[in-house]
Amino acid sequence: MNNVKIRKSGTFYSVFDDDCYILYFLFGYKISNNKSGFPKSALNKVMNKLEENKINYEVVGDDLKNNFKNLNKYQKFVKVGKEKYNNDINYQNIISKLSNASSSKLDKILSTIEMILDE
């Protein structure tokens, strides 16, 4: 079943794999090794946002879950979350390369970008 599985880990909650991209998209939570987490104090905020967006979830071990049946938008949010994550990674890589570029190379890059944007 397509739902965000939230697992308690000490004073934090964690999600894994595709679920990370949903939380990245909705909250900007960092992803590391296919894992994302948030503090216990944010659980209600996370559940409310998932409900607001009609995304099924389950808090493993706490018997908290919500099922929107056919209205579940889990797959939609996985897709947009992955797109946002990949775009953000690409932007960070480009910014890193730009900050290390020589002045002449940077002038050339900026001219090309301006030309493309003015099309």
Protein backbone atom coordinates (compact mmCIF):
# COMPACT_ATOMS: atom_id res chain seq x y z
CA MET A 1 0.00 0.00 0.00
CA ASN A 2 1.24 3.49 -0.76
CA ASN A 3 1.59 5.34 2.50
CA VAL A 4 4.24 7.25 4.40
CA LYS A 5 5.56 4.96 7.13
CA ILE A 6 6.79 7.04 10.06
CA ARG A 7 8.98 5.16 12.53
CA LYS A 8 9.90 6.34 16.01
CA SER A 9 13.60 6.35 16.81
CA GLY A 10 14.30 7.77 20.27
CA THR A 11 13.20 11.41 20.31
CA PHE A 12 12.98 11.52 16.51
CA TYR A 13 10.80 10.05 13.82
CA SER A 14 12.27 8.71 10.59
CA VAL A 15 11.01 7.90 7.11
CA PHE A 16 12.84 5.95 4.41
CA ASP A 17 13.11 5.58 0.65
CA ASP A 18 10.33 7.28 -1.38
CA ASP A 19 8.73 8.65 1.78
CA CYS A 20 11.76 10.94 2.18
CA TYR A 21 10.94 12.78 -1.02
CA ILE A 22 7.45 13.60 0.20
CA LEU A 23 8.80 15.12 3.42
CA TYR A 24 11.53 16.91 1.47
CA PHE A 25 8.92 18.46 -0.81
CA LEU A 26 6.49 19.41 1.95
CA PHE A 27 8.94 20.50 4.66
CA GLY A 28 12.43 20.72 3.18
CA TYR A 29 13.71 17.99 5.51
CA LYS A 30 17.17 16.81 4.47
CA ILE A 31 17.69 13.38 2.95
CA SER A 32 20.72 11.32 3.88
CA ASN A 33 21.24 7.70 2.84
CA ASN A 34 17.56 7.32 1.82
CA LYS A 35 16.49 8.48 5.27
CA SER A 36 14.90 11.65 6.57
CA GLY A 37 13.89 12.55 10.09
CA PHE A 38 12.23 15.11 12.28
CA PRO A 39 11.88 15.72 16.03
CA LYS A 40 9.06 14.24 18.06
CA SER A 41 7.66 17.74 18.56
CA ALA A 42 6.94 18.02 14.81
CA LEU A 43 4.84 14.85 14.51
CA ASN A 44 1.47 16.64 14.64
CA LYS A 45 2.65 19.19 12.07
CA VAL A 46 3.75 16.37 9.73
CA MET A 47 0.51 14.41 10.16
CA ASN A 48 -1.61 17.53 9.61
CA LYS A 49 0.26 18.40 6.40
CA LEU A 50 -0.04 14.83 5.11
CA GLU A 51 -3.76 14.88 5.84
CA GLU A 52 -4.14 18.31 4.24
CA ASN A 53 -2.58 16.90 1.07
CA LYS A 54 -4.52 13.61 1.24
CA ILE A 55 -1.43 11.45 1.63
CA ASN A 56 -1.89 8.15 3.46
CA TYR A 57 0.40 7.67 6.44
CA GLU A 58 1.06 5.29 9.29
CA VAL A 59 2.98 5.98 12.50
CA VAL A 60 4.46 2.53 13.11
CA GLY A 61 4.06 1.38 16.70
CA ASP A 62 1.72 4.22 17.71
CA ASP A 63 -1.31 2.87 15.83
CA LEU A 64 -1.87 6.25 14.16
CA LYS A 65 -2.84 6.13 10.51
CA ASN A 66 -4.95 7.79 7.92
CA ASN A 67 -6.27 6.21 4.74
CA PHE A 68 -7.74 8.36 1.98
CA LYS A 69 -8.43 5.23 -0.11
CA ASN A 70 -8.84 6.23 -3.77
CA LEU A 71 -8.10 9.89 -3.00
CA ASN A 72 -4.57 9.05 -1.82
CA LYS A 73 -2.01 11.33 -3.50
CA TYR A 74 1.08 9.47 -2.33
CA GLN A 75 2.43 8.69 -5.82
CA LYS A 76 1.89 12.26 -7.02
CA PHE A 77 3.89 13.66 -4.11
CA VAL A 78 6.68 11.09 -4.52
CA LYS A 79 7.03 12.22 -8.14
CA VAL A 80 7.07 15.97 -7.43
CA GLY A 81 9.29 15.41 -4.39
CA LYS A 82 11.89 13.54 -6.45
CA GLU A 83 11.77 16.24 -9.14
CA LYS A 84 12.28 19.01 -6.59
CA TYR A 85 15.09 17.11 -4.87
CA ASN A 86 16.91 16.41 -8.13
CA ASN A 87 16.48 20.02 -9.29
CA ASP A 88 17.79 21.34 -5.97
CA ILE A 89 20.84 19.04 -6.15
CA ASN A 90 21.50 20.21 -9.72
CA TYR A 91 21.19 23.88 -8.66
CA GLN A 92 23.62 23.32 -5.78
CA ASN A 93 26.13 21.67 -8.13
CA ILE A 94 25.85 24.51 -10.63
CA ILE A 95 26.29 27.16 -7.93
CA SER A 96 29.34 25.32 -6.61
CA LYS A 97 30.88 25.18 -10.08
CA LEU A 98 30.07 28.85 -10.71
CA SER A 99 31.71 29.94 -7.47
CA ASN A 100 34.92 28.20 -8.57
CA ALA A 101 34.88 29.48 -12.17
CA SER A 102 37.39 32.04 -13.43
CA SER A 103 36.15 35.56 -14.22
CA SER A 104 36.42 35.06 -17.97
CA LYS A 105 34.57 31.75 -17.84
CA LEU A 106 31.91 33.25 -15.58
CA ASP A 107 31.39 36.18 -18.00
CA LYS A 108 30.94 33.71 -20.85
CA ILE A 109 28.48 31.59 -18.85
CA LEU A 110 26.43 34.62 -17.79
CA SER A 111 26.29 35.93 -21.37
CA THR A 112 25.01 32.56 -22.56
CA ILE A 113 22.40 32.40 -19.81
CA GLU A 114 21.19 35.94 -20.59
CA MET A 115 20.96 35.11 -24.29
CA ILE A 116 18.87 31.99 -23.58
CA LEU A 117 16.57 33.82 -21.16
CA ASP A 118 16.04 36.67 -23.65
CA GLU A 119 14.89 34.28 -26.42
